[in-house]
């Protein structure tokens, strides 16, 4: 994972160098337009994953097969809808309102079409991914992530050394082809390993109705998530231009890199939450929600702290050309990620219950009604681009508690107890670890040596605090036993 994160960050530097600030920002905002239409698919993805996991937890193979095939049919329909929207409304916005540097509109249209093609293929991939996760075949994702990092690195070297091509168009084309190739590989993997993935026509309307009914409520939440992300990107483009889009793009490259640890942890945890609920083991499920909320935060925090403190130096050695405000944006997005790190297990638990109406009305509604209007007003009043991150931070914390309140309506538990056990321990470890690590950071001159020492101190201090304070005594004993077994195994060898 550290290898892929390092390659990803290094590749981002080379992409920015090869494309330049304007084309890098242009690619980010053009590909983002498609994301606004894929929101429908996001809602159906969550529903597909939930129903496949639920049926697998019940052990009903025939129902699982029909659920998979019904979801595939639904995603075919969604792909057609998104294609129509992208080639009408999206294309109109691209050519009418998008702020594009002179002479780059043709390239922007090519990149847009490539994004549509790969997106159409990706929309029908969702049931296959849900099946892989349901069977917990996580190793395949690890190997693909390594292959993807290597491919992107090779691609960017080609961009650097071939000047006879339009680099933005070539980059968009090759990324789209790679996405399609990976999705084809996943499909063959599923067909070979999971008999449920054999395509057949499901005639029972109840399968379609169940998933669509569930997903209609989720649609609001995904609309809010996509609207916040890409809507803000379009507002930044409208008020500040593609150079600031590039700075935001840099910040989100860092976000994707540092969240890999906690995201991969949650990929393993989410199926267990749904399966425990399907099996009626509610107490075990809630215990898992509490513990995984903490661990997701700890995994993110141990990576985020040195990057936050050393952001100036890391960006200076990472990027040859640094877009203005990149460091500020990176620090803001790290703080927002830390706030939201707690939320994923809670949201998954609500999905496991099947009653997601209030989750999307409360958390989703609050998010979209506050973030976009507030950002627009701040920009109209002359505030800088970073103002949107302050708004997102405040609404993220509010959404965390609205999600907890929604879960409490379905499964009785104490929000105060959750706050003390999860947020309380997270905050305590954060405060205790920041002091010595920041002291070391402040005592040394900016250099690679300081970066290394800050990283080493972070891992040591946070690791010890999590071991003695952050985890339960039962988990501590299991961890010690696991370490002893590993040591004995290697000694015997």
Protein backbone atom coordinates (compact mmCIF):
# COMPACT_ATOMS: atom_id res chain seq x y z
CA UNK A 1 0.00 0.00 0.00
CA UNK A 2 2.85 2.40 0.80
CA UNK A 3 4.37 1.53 -2.58
CA UNK A 4 1.19 2.34 -4.52
CA UNK A 5 0.66 5.56 -2.52
CA UNK A 6 4.21 6.68 -3.29
CA UNK A 7 3.88 5.84 -6.99
CA UNK A 8 0.51 7.61 -7.12
CA UNK A 9 1.89 10.83 -5.64
CA UNK A 10 4.99 10.74 -7.84
CA UNK A 11 2.83 10.12 -10.90
CA UNK A 12 0.66 13.13 -10.01
CA UNK A 13 3.76 15.30 -10.01
CA UNK A 14 4.78 14.08 -13.46
CA UNK A 15 1.24 14.48 -14.84
CA UNK A 16 1.16 18.09 -13.67
CA UNK A 17 4.59 18.67 -15.17
CA UNK A 18 3.63 17.05 -18.48
CA UNK A 19 0.22 18.69 -18.89
CA UNK A 20 0.93 22.04 -17.28
CA UNK A 21 -1.24 23.80 -14.70
CA UNK A 22 -4.00 24.86 -17.13
CA UNK A 23 -4.46 21.46 -18.82
CA UNK A 24 -4.21 19.64 -15.47
CA UNK A 25 -7.00 21.83 -14.07
CA UNK A 26 -8.98 21.50 -17.31
CA UNK A 27 -8.87 17.69 -17.16
CA UNK A 28 -10.04 17.76 -13.54
CA UNK A 29 -13.04 19.97 -14.21
CA UNK A 30 -14.04 18.34 -17.55
CA UNK A 31 -14.00 14.80 -16.14
CA UNK A 32 -15.92 16.16 -13.16
CA UNK A 33 -18.90 17.09 -15.33
CA UNK A 34 -19.55 13.38 -15.99
CA UNK A 35 -19.51 12.72 -12.25
CA UNK A 36 -22.61 14.90 -11.87
CA UNK A 37 -24.59 12.46 -14.03
CA UNK A 38 -23.14 9.29 -12.50
CA UNK A 39 -24.81 10.20 -9.20
CA UNK A 40 -27.75 7.95 -10.17
CA UNK A 41 -25.38 5.04 -10.52
CA UNK A 42 -23.80 5.80 -7.14
CA UNK A 43 -27.14 5.41 -5.42
CA UNK A 44 -27.86 2.13 -7.22
CA UNK A 45 -24.34 0.88 -6.43
CA UNK A 46 -24.97 1.13 -2.70
CA UNK A 47 -28.28 -0.66 -3.11
CA UNK A 48 -26.74 -3.40 -5.25
CA UNK A 49 -23.95 -3.97 -2.75
CA UNK A 50 -26.36 -4.07 0.18
CA UNK A 51 -28.75 -6.61 -1.39
CA UNK A 52 -25.97 -8.90 -2.65
CA UNK A 53 -24.29 -8.86 0.77
CA UNK A 54 -27.62 -9.44 2.51
CA UNK A 55 -28.49 -12.47 0.40
CA UNK A 56 -24.99 -13.90 0.80
CA UNK A 57 -25.34 -13.47 4.58
CA UNK A 58 -28.60 -15.43 4.45
CA UNK A 59 -26.96 -18.12 2.31
CA UNK A 60 -29.64 -18.06 -0.42
CA UNK A 61 -27.68 -18.70 -3.65
CA UNK A 62 -30.67 -18.63 -6.01
CA UNK A 63 -31.89 -15.28 -4.70
CA UNK A 64 -28.31 -14.01 -4.90
CA UNK A 65 -28.13 -14.99 -8.58
CA UNK A 66 -31.38 -13.22 -9.39
CA UNK A 67 -30.35 -10.15 -7.39
CA UNK A 68 -27.10 -9.92 -9.35
CA UNK A 69 -28.82 -10.21 -12.73
CA UNK A 70 -31.59 -7.76 -11.84
CA UNK A 71 -29.00 -5.21 -10.74
CA UNK A 72 -27.07 -5.70 -14.00
CA UNK A 73 -30.22 -4.95 -16.00
CA UNK A 74 -30.86 -1.81 -13.95
CA UNK A 75 -27.31 -0.57 -14.53
CA UNK A 76 -27.65 -1.09 -18.29
CA UNK A 77 -30.65 1.24 -18.19
CA UNK A 78 -28.77 3.78 -16.05
CA UNK A 79 -25.86 3.74 -18.51
CA UNK A 80 -28.26 4.73 -21.32
CA UNK A 81 -29.78 7.54 -19.23
CA UNK A 82 -26.37 8.92 -18.27
CA UNK A 83 -25.23 8.76 -21.91
CA UNK A 84 -28.22 10.86 -23.03
CA UNK A 85 -27.69 13.41 -20.24
CA UNK A 86 -23.95 13.64 -20.85
CA UNK A 87 -24.35 14.16 -24.61
CA UNK A 88 -27.03 16.84 -24.18
CA UNK A 89 -26.97 18.81 -20.93
CA UNK A 90 -23.31 18.08 -20.13
CA UNK A 91 -22.07 18.86 -23.63
CA UNK A 92 -24.07 22.10 -23.66
CA UNK A 93 -22.55 23.22 -20.35
CA UNK A 94 -19.03 22.29 -21.48
CA UNK A 95 -19.26 24.38 -24.64
CA UNK A 96 -21.28 27.26 -23.17
CA UNK A 97 -20.20 28.00 -19.59
CA UNK A 98 -16.96 26.18 -18.82
CA UNK A 99 -13.98 28.53 -18.50
CA UNK A 100 -11.44 27.01 -20.94
CA UNK A 101 -8.03 28.50 -21.89
CA UNK A 102 -7.88 29.87 -25.47
CA UNK A 103 -7.41 27.17 -28.10
CA UNK A 104 -8.18 24.25 -25.76
CA UNK A 105 -11.92 23.77 -26.36
CA UNK A 106 -11.36 20.99 -28.92
CA UNK A 107 -9.10 19.10 -26.49
CA UNK A 108 -11.67 19.57 -23.73
CA UNK A 109 -14.34 18.00 -25.95
CA UNK A 110 -12.13 15.01 -26.78
CA UNK A 111 -11.39 14.38 -23.10
CA UNK A 112 -15.10 14.71 -22.35
CA UNK A 113 -16.00 12.04 -24.94
CA UNK A 114 -13.33 9.67 -23.64
CA UNK A 115 -14.72 10.12 -20.12
CA UNK A 116 -18.23 9.29 -21.37
CA UNK A 117 -17.08 6.05 -23.03
CA UNK A 118 -15.23 4.75 -19.96
CA UNK A 119 -18.08 5.85 -17.71
CA UNK A 120 -20.69 3.96 -19.74
CA UNK A 121 -18.66 0.79 -19.40
CA UNK A 122 -18.04 1.42 -15.70
CA UNK A 123 -21.74 1.84 -14.93
CA UNK A 124 -22.44 -1.79 -15.82
CA UNK A 125 -19.44 -2.95 -13.79
CA UNK A 126 -21.03 -2.24 -10.39
CA UNK A 127 -22.72 -5.65 -9.81
CA UNK A 128 -19.42 -7.43 -10.51
CA UNK A 129 -17.53 -5.27 -8.00
CA UNK A 130 -20.27 -5.84 -5.42
CA UNK A 131 -19.91 -9.60 -5.89
CA UNK A 132 -16.12 -9.48 -5.41
CA UNK A 133 -16.52 -7.48 -2.19
CA UNK A 134 -19.33 -9.72 -0.94
CA UNK A 135 -17.05 -12.76 -1.26
CA UNK A 136 -14.22 -10.70 0.31
CA UNK A 137 -11.71 -11.36 -2.48
CA UNK A 138 -9.76 -8.22 -1.54
CA UNK A 139 -6.38 -9.42 -2.83
CA UNK A 140 -7.49 -8.90 -6.40
CA UNK A 141 -7.93 -5.17 -5.70
CA UNK A 142 -4.43 -4.96 -4.22
CA UNK A 143 -2.85 -6.49 -7.33
CA UNK A 144 -4.89 -4.30 -9.66
CA UNK A 145 -3.95 -1.15 -7.70
CA UNK A 146 -0.26 -2.00 -8.16
CA UNK A 147 -0.78 -2.61 -11.87
CA UNK A 148 -2.72 0.65 -12.18
CA UNK A 149 0.01 2.65 -10.44
CA UNK A 150 2.64 1.13 -12.75
CA UNK A 151 0.54 1.81 -15.87
CA UNK A 152 -0.02 5.46 -14.95
CA UNK A 153 3.68 5.91 -14.28
CA UNK A 154 4.52 4.46 -17.72
CA UNK A 155 1.85 6.65 -19.33
CA UNK A 156 3.20 9.84 -17.82
CA UNK A 157 6.76 9.06 -18.95
CA UNK A 158 5.41 8.78 -22.50
CA UNK A 159 3.76 12.18 -22.04
CA UNK A 160 7.04 13.72 -20.91
CA UNK A 161 9.14 12.49 -23.81
CA UNK A 162 6.76 12.70 -26.78
CA UNK A 163 6.05 16.29 -27.75
CA UNK A 164 4.44 15.62 -31.13
CA UNK A 165 1.06 14.72 -29.58
CA UNK A 166 -1.61 16.72 -27.79
CA UNK A 167 -0.77 15.48 -24.30
CA UNK A 168 -4.17 16.20 -22.75
CA UNK A 169 -6.02 14.24 -25.45
CA UNK A 170 -3.56 11.35 -25.29
CA UNK A 171 -3.75 11.23 -21.48
CA UNK A 172 -7.56 11.15 -21.53
CA UNK A 173 -7.62 8.43 -24.23
CA UNK A 174 -5.12 6.11 -22.52
CA UNK A 175 -6.76 6.45 -19.09
CA UNK A 176 -10.13 5.56 -20.58
CA UNK A 177 -8.72 2.51 -22.35
CA UNK A 178 -7.05 1.37 -19.13
CA UNK A 179 -10.29 1.72 -17.16
CA UNK A 180 -12.14 -0.37 -19.74
CA UNK A 181 -9.41 -3.05 -19.77
CA UNK A 182 -9.50 -3.40 -15.97
CA UNK A 183 -13.27 -3.71 -15.96
CA UNK A 184 -13.13 -6.47 -18.57
CA UNK A 185 -10.59 -8.29 -16.38
CA UNK A 186 -12.91 -8.05 -13.35
CA UNK A 187 -15.78 -9.50 -15.37
CA UNK A 188 -13.78 -12.51 -16.50
CA UNK A 189 -12.63 -13.01 -12.90
CA UNK A 190 -16.24 -13.03 -11.65
CA UNK A 191 -17.45 -15.36 -14.41
CA UNK A 192 -14.67 -17.81 -13.56
CA UNK A 193 -15.06 -17.77 -9.77
CA UNK A 194 -18.71 -16.93 -9.04
CA UNK A 195 -21.51 -18.91 -10.73
CA UNK A 196 -24.00 -16.21 -9.68
CA UNK A 197 -22.45 -13.86 -12.26
CA UNK A 198 -23.74 -15.88 -15.22
CA UNK A 199 -26.08 -13.50 -17.04
CA UNK A 200 -29.75 -14.46 -17.33
CA UNK A 201 -32.99 -12.52 -17.62
CA UNK A 202 -34.89 -12.07 -14.35
CA UNK A 203 -38.63 -11.83 -14.97
CA UNK A 204 -39.79 -11.29 -11.35
CA UNK A 205 -40.53 -7.58 -10.98
CA UNK A 206 -40.08 -7.73 -7.20
CA UNK A 207 -36.27 -7.85 -7.54
CA UNK A 208 -36.21 -4.65 -9.58
CA UNK A 209 -38.78 -2.94 -7.37
CA UNK A 210 -36.88 -3.72 -4.16
CA UNK A 211 -33.58 -2.31 -5.36
CA UNK A 212 -35.13 0.73 -7.04
CA UNK A 213 -37.22 1.56 -3.97
CA UNK A 214 -34.14 1.32 -1.76
CA UNK A 215 -31.99 3.30 -4.19
CA UNK A 216 -34.43 6.16 -4.75
CA UNK A 217 -33.76 7.39 -1.22
CA UNK A 218 -30.02 6.84 -1.62
CA UNK A 219 -30.18 8.91 -4.79
CA UNK A 220 -30.63 12.05 -2.68
CA UNK A 221 -27.51 11.31 -0.63
CA UNK A 222 -25.38 10.60 -3.69
CA UNK A 223 -26.72 13.68 -5.44
CA UNK A 224 -25.59 15.73 -2.45
CA UNK A 225 -22.16 14.10 -2.39
CA UNK A 226 -21.57 14.53 -6.12
CA UNK A 227 -23.17 17.97 -6.15
CA UNK A 228 -20.94 19.16 -3.34
CA UNK A 229 -17.75 17.87 -4.95
CA UNK A 230 -18.30 18.72 -8.60
CA UNK A 231 -20.57 21.70 -7.94
CA UNK A 232 -17.81 23.32 -5.90
CA UNK A 233 -15.32 22.47 -8.63
CA UNK A 234 -17.52 24.27 -11.17
CA UNK A 235 -17.97 27.26 -8.83
CA UNK A 236 -14.18 27.50 -8.40
CA UNK A 237 -13.82 27.36 -12.18
CA UNK A 238 -16.45 30.07 -12.64
CA UNK A 239 -15.02 32.50 -10.06
CA UNK A 240 -11.27 31.75 -10.18
CA UNK A 241 -10.43 29.78 -13.38
CA UNK A 242 -8.61 26.54 -14.18
CA UNK A 243 -5.42 27.44 -12.26
CA UNK A 244 -7.31 27.20 -8.95
CA UNK A 245 -9.02 24.02 -10.22
CA UNK A 246 -5.48 22.65 -10.58
CA UNK A 247 -4.71 23.49 -6.93
CA UNK A 248 -7.89 21.73 -5.88
CA UNK A 249 -6.93 18.79 -8.10
CA UNK A 250 -3.58 18.54 -6.30
CA UNK A 251 -5.35 18.53 -2.92
CA UNK A 252 -7.64 15.71 -4.00
CA UNK A 253 -4.69 13.70 -5.31
CA UNK A 254 -3.30 13.85 -1.76
CA UNK A 255 -6.72 12.95 -0.35
CA UNK A 256 -6.96 9.84 -2.54
CA UNK A 257 -3.47 8.77 -1.48
CA UNK A 258 -3.87 9.18 2.29
CA UNK A 259 -7.36 7.67 2.45
CA UNK A 260 -6.26 4.40 0.84
CA UNK A 261 -5.41 2.89 4.22
CA UNK A 262 -8.74 3.56 5.90
CA UNK A 263 -10.70 2.87 2.69
CA UNK A 264 -9.15 -0.57 2.25
CA UNK A 265 -9.88 -1.30 5.89
CA UNK A 266 -13.53 -0.36 5.35
CA UNK A 267 -13.79 -2.53 2.21
CA UNK A 268 -13.09 -5.47 4.52
CA UNK A 269 -15.39 -4.25 7.32
CA UNK A 270 -18.50 -3.27 5.34
CA UNK A 271 -19.47 -6.80 4.28
CA UNK A 272 -19.22 -7.97 7.89
CA UNK A 273 -21.61 -5.25 9.09
CA UNK A 274 -24.31 -6.26 6.58
CA UNK A 275 -23.81 -10.01 7.14
CA UNK A 276 -24.06 -9.64 10.94
CA UNK A 277 -27.30 -7.68 10.57
CA UNK A 278 -28.70 -10.26 8.11
CA UNK A 279 -27.86 -13.00 10.63
CA UNK A 280 -29.64 -11.09 13.44
CA UNK A 281 -26.43 -10.53 15.46
CA UNK A 282 -27.17 -6.88 16.24
CA UNK A 283 -24.95 -6.56 19.33
CA UNK A 284 -21.93 -7.87 17.43
CA UNK A 285 -22.72 -5.55 14.55
CA UNK A 286 -22.86 -2.46 16.79
CA UNK A 287 -19.63 -3.48 18.52
CA UNK A 288 -18.02 -3.71 15.09
CA UNK A 289 -19.41 -0.27 14.15
CA UNK A 290 -17.92 1.32 17.29
CA UNK A 291 -14.51 -0.32 16.90
CA UNK A 292 -14.20 0.13 13.13
CA UNK A 293 -15.10 3.84 13.43
CA UNK A 294 -12.08 4.28 15.71
CA UNK A 295 -9.73 2.18 13.62
CA UNK A 296 -10.69 3.94 10.39
CA UNK A 297 -9.76 7.24 12.02
CA UNK A 298 -6.49 5.92 13.48
CA UNK A 299 -5.37 4.48 10.14
CA UNK A 300 -6.05 7.78 8.40
CA UNK A 301 -4.56 9.92 11.16
CA UNK A 302 -1.24 8.08 11.33
CA UNK A 303 -0.69 8.91 7.64
CA UNK A 304 -2.26 12.37 7.68
CA UNK A 305 -0.37 13.99 10.59
CA UNK A 306 3.13 14.14 9.02
CA UNK A 307 1.68 15.16 5.65
CA UNK A 308 -0.27 17.98 7.32
CA UNK A 309 2.79 19.27 9.19
CA UNK A 310 5.21 18.84 6.30
CA UNK A 311 2.82 19.87 3.51
CA UNK A 312 5.02 22.77 2.32
CA UNK A 313 8.12 20.63 2.00
CA UNK A 314 6.35 17.56 0.56
CA UNK A 315 4.64 19.62 -2.16
CA UNK A 316 7.88 21.44 -3.00
CA UNK A 317 9.74 18.16 -3.63
CA UNK A 318 6.69 16.43 -5.08
CA UNK A 319 5.69 18.99 -7.73
CA UNK A 320 8.02 20.78 -10.10
CA UNK A 321 5.35 23.41 -10.76
CA UNK A 322 3.19 24.15 -7.73
CA UNK A 323 -0.24 25.74 -8.33
CA UNK A 324 -0.98 28.65 -5.99
CA UNK A 325 -2.86 27.75 -2.77
CA UNK A 326 -2.05 24.02 -3.14
CA UNK A 327 -0.55 23.72 0.38
CA UNK A 328 -3.51 25.46 2.00
CA UNK A 329 -5.99 23.28 0.10
CA UNK A 330 -4.09 20.11 1.04
CA UNK A 331 -4.17 20.96 4.75
CA UNK A 332 -7.87 21.78 4.60
CA UNK A 333 -8.79 18.57 2.81
CA UNK A 334 -6.77 16.51 5.33
CA UNK A 335 -8.78 18.00 8.21
CA UNK A 336 -12.06 17.29 6.41
CA UNK A 337 -10.99 13.69 5.74
CA UNK A 338 -10.21 13.24 9.43
CA UNK A 339 -13.67 14.51 10.39
CA UNK A 340 -15.39 12.14 7.95
CA UNK A 341 -13.19 9.12 8.73
CA UNK A 342 -15.51 8.12 11.60
CA UNK A 343 -18.65 8.10 9.47
CA UNK A 344 -18.37 5.17 7.04
CA UNK A 345 -19.21 2.30 9.48
CA UNK A 346 -22.22 4.23 10.77
CA UNK A 347 -23.54 4.86 7.25
CA UNK A 348 -23.00 1.20 6.35
CA UNK A 349 -24.94 0.11 9.45
CA UNK A 350 -27.89 2.26 8.37
CA UNK A 351 -27.75 0.70 4.91
CA UNK A 352 -27.71 -2.75 6.47
CA UNK A 353 -31.08 -2.06 8.11
CA UNK A 354 -32.57 -1.21 4.71
CA UNK A 355 -34.27 1.96 6.01
CA UNK A 356 -32.21 4.78 4.51
CA UNK A 357 -34.92 7.39 4.04
CA UNK A 358 -34.00 9.54 7.03
CA UNK A 359 -30.26 9.13 6.47
CA UNK A 360 -30.53 10.90 3.13
CA UNK A 361 -33.15 13.42 4.24
CA UNK A 362 -31.15 14.52 7.28
CA UNK A 363 -27.47 14.22 6.37
CA UNK A 364 -27.81 14.57 2.61
CA UNK A 365 -30.28 17.44 2.80
CA UNK A 366 -28.21 19.38 5.34
CA UNK A 367 -25.07 18.92 3.25
CA UNK A 368 -26.45 20.17 -0.08
CA UNK A 369 -28.58 22.95 1.43
CA UNK A 370 -25.61 24.41 3.30
CA UNK A 371 -22.47 23.78 1.27
CA UNK A 372 -23.22 24.95 -2.27
CA UNK A 373 -25.32 28.05 -1.40
CA UNK A 374 -22.85 29.12 1.32
CA UNK A 375 -19.87 28.67 -1.03
CA UNK A 376 -21.59 30.69 -3.76
CA UNK A 377 -22.41 33.51 -1.33
CA UNK A 378 -18.86 33.64 0.06
CA UNK A 379 -17.45 33.84 -3.45
CA UNK A 380 -19.95 36.52 -4.43
CA UNK A 381 -18.89 38.53 -1.38
CA UNK A 382 -15.26 38.36 -2.44
CA UNK A 383 -13.94 35.66 -0.10
CA UNK A 384 -10.98 33.55 -1.34
CA UNK A 385 -11.35 30.09 -2.86
CA UNK A 386 -10.37 28.36 0.41
CA UNK A 387 -13.61 29.54 2.05
CA UNK A 388 -15.45 26.53 0.65
CA UNK A 389 -13.28 24.14 2.69
CA UNK A 390 -14.30 25.86 5.92
CA UNK A 391 -17.94 25.39 4.96
CA UNK A 392 -17.38 21.72 4.09
CA UNK A 393 -15.62 21.11 7.42
CA UNK A 394 -18.53 22.49 9.43
CA UNK A 395 -21.18 20.59 7.46
CA UNK A 396 -19.13 17.37 7.65
CA UNK A 397 -19.19 17.44 11.45
CA UNK A 398 -22.91 18.17 11.43
CA UNK A 399 -23.53 15.25 9.03
CA UNK A 400 -21.58 12.87 11.29
CA UNK A 401 -24.07 13.44 14.09
CA UNK A 402 -27.11 13.41 11.83
CA UNK A 403 -25.98 9.96 10.64
CA UNK A 404 -25.61 8.77 14.22
CA UNK A 405 -29.10 10.07 15.01
CA UNK A 406 -30.48 8.21 11.98
CA UNK A 407 -28.89 4.93 13.10
CA UNK A 408 -30.31 5.40 16.59
CA UNK A 409 -33.84 5.52 15.10
CA UNK A 410 -33.29 1.98 13.75
CA UNK A 411 -31.05 0.39 16.41
CA UNK A 412 -31.14 1.77 19.97
CA UNK A 413 -27.72 2.81 21.27
CA UNK A 414 -26.23 5.74 23.17
CA UNK A 415 -24.87 8.57 21.02
CA UNK A 416 -23.16 9.95 24.13
CA UNK A 417 -21.46 6.57 24.66
CA UNK A 418 -20.38 6.56 21.00
CA UNK A 419 -19.03 10.10 21.33
CA UNK A 420 -16.97 9.21 24.39
CA UNK A 421 -15.69 5.85 23.14
CA UNK A 422 -15.03 6.85 19.53
CA UNK A 423 -14.65 10.61 19.18
CA UNK A 424 -13.28 10.95 22.69
CA UNK A 425 -10.48 8.44 22.19
CA UNK A 426 -9.74 9.81 18.74
CA UNK A 427 -9.47 13.37 20.06
CA UNK A 428 -7.38 12.29 23.06
CA UNK A 429 -4.85 10.44 20.91
CA UNK A 430 -4.75 13.35 18.47
CA UNK A 431 -3.97 15.90 21.21
CA UNK A 432 -1.38 13.70 22.93
CA UNK A 433 0.44 12.88 19.69
CA UNK A 434 0.37 16.32 18.06
CA UNK A 435 2.38 17.93 20.87
CA UNK A 436 5.63 15.88 20.60
CA UNK A 437 5.46 15.51 16.81
CA UNK A 438 4.84 19.23 16.29
CA UNK A 439 7.64 20.08 18.75
CA UNK A 440 10.06 18.00 16.68
CA UNK A 441 8.78 19.55 13.46
CA UNK A 442 9.21 23.06 14.86
CA UNK A 443 12.68 22.40 16.31
CA UNK A 444 14.31 21.36 13.02
CA UNK A 445 15.00 23.13 9.74
CA UNK A 446 12.98 22.15 6.68
CA UNK A 447 14.74 19.16 5.10
CA UNK A 448 14.36 15.53 4.17
CA UNK A 449 15.88 14.58 7.53
CA UNK A 450 13.11 16.49 9.32
CA UNK A 451 10.47 14.81 7.15
CA UNK A 452 11.89 11.37 7.99
CA UNK A 453 12.15 12.10 11.73
CA UNK A 454 8.64 13.57 11.88
CA UNK A 455 7.27 10.51 10.08
CA UNK A 456 9.15 8.13 12.38
CA UNK A 457 8.02 10.01 15.51
CA UNK A 458 4.44 10.02 14.22
CA UNK A 459 4.34 6.26 13.65
CA UNK A 460 6.00 5.57 17.02
CA UNK A 461 3.96 7.96 19.17
CA UNK A 462 0.59 7.35 17.51
CA UNK A 463 1.20 3.60 17.39
CA UNK A 464 1.96 3.41 21.11
CA UNK A 465 -0.98 5.63 22.04
CA UNK A 466 -3.39 3.57 19.93
CA UNK A 467 -2.05 0.34 21.46
CA UNK A 468 -2.36 1.47 25.07
CA UNK A 469 -5.35 3.85 24.86
CA UNK A 470 -7.15 3.49 21.53
CA UNK A 471 -7.96 -0.22 21.39
CA UNK A 472 -9.84 -2.43 23.84
CA UNK A 473 -8.02 -4.81 26.19
CA UNK A 474 -9.43 -7.80 24.27
CA UNK A 475 -8.08 -6.47 20.95
CA UNK A 476 -4.77 -5.67 22.64
CA UNK A 477 -4.44 -9.27 23.79
CA UNK A 478 -5.30 -10.56 20.30
CA UNK A 479 -2.69 -8.25 18.76
CA UNK A 480 0.01 -9.37 21.21
CA UNK A 481 -0.83 -13.03 20.53
CA UNK A 482 -0.67 -12.41 16.78
CA UNK A 483 2.76 -10.74 17.07
CA UNK A 484 4.06 -13.62 19.24
CA UNK A 485 2.83 -16.17 16.72
CA UNK A 486 4.54 -14.31 13.86
CA UNK A 487 7.82 -14.09 15.80
CA UNK A 488 7.70 -17.80 16.71
CA UNK A 489 6.96 -18.69 13.09
CA UNK A 490 9.99 -16.81 11.75
CA UNK A 491 12.26 -18.06 14.58
CA UNK A 492 11.36 -21.68 13.78
CA UNK A 493 12.14 -21.09 10.11
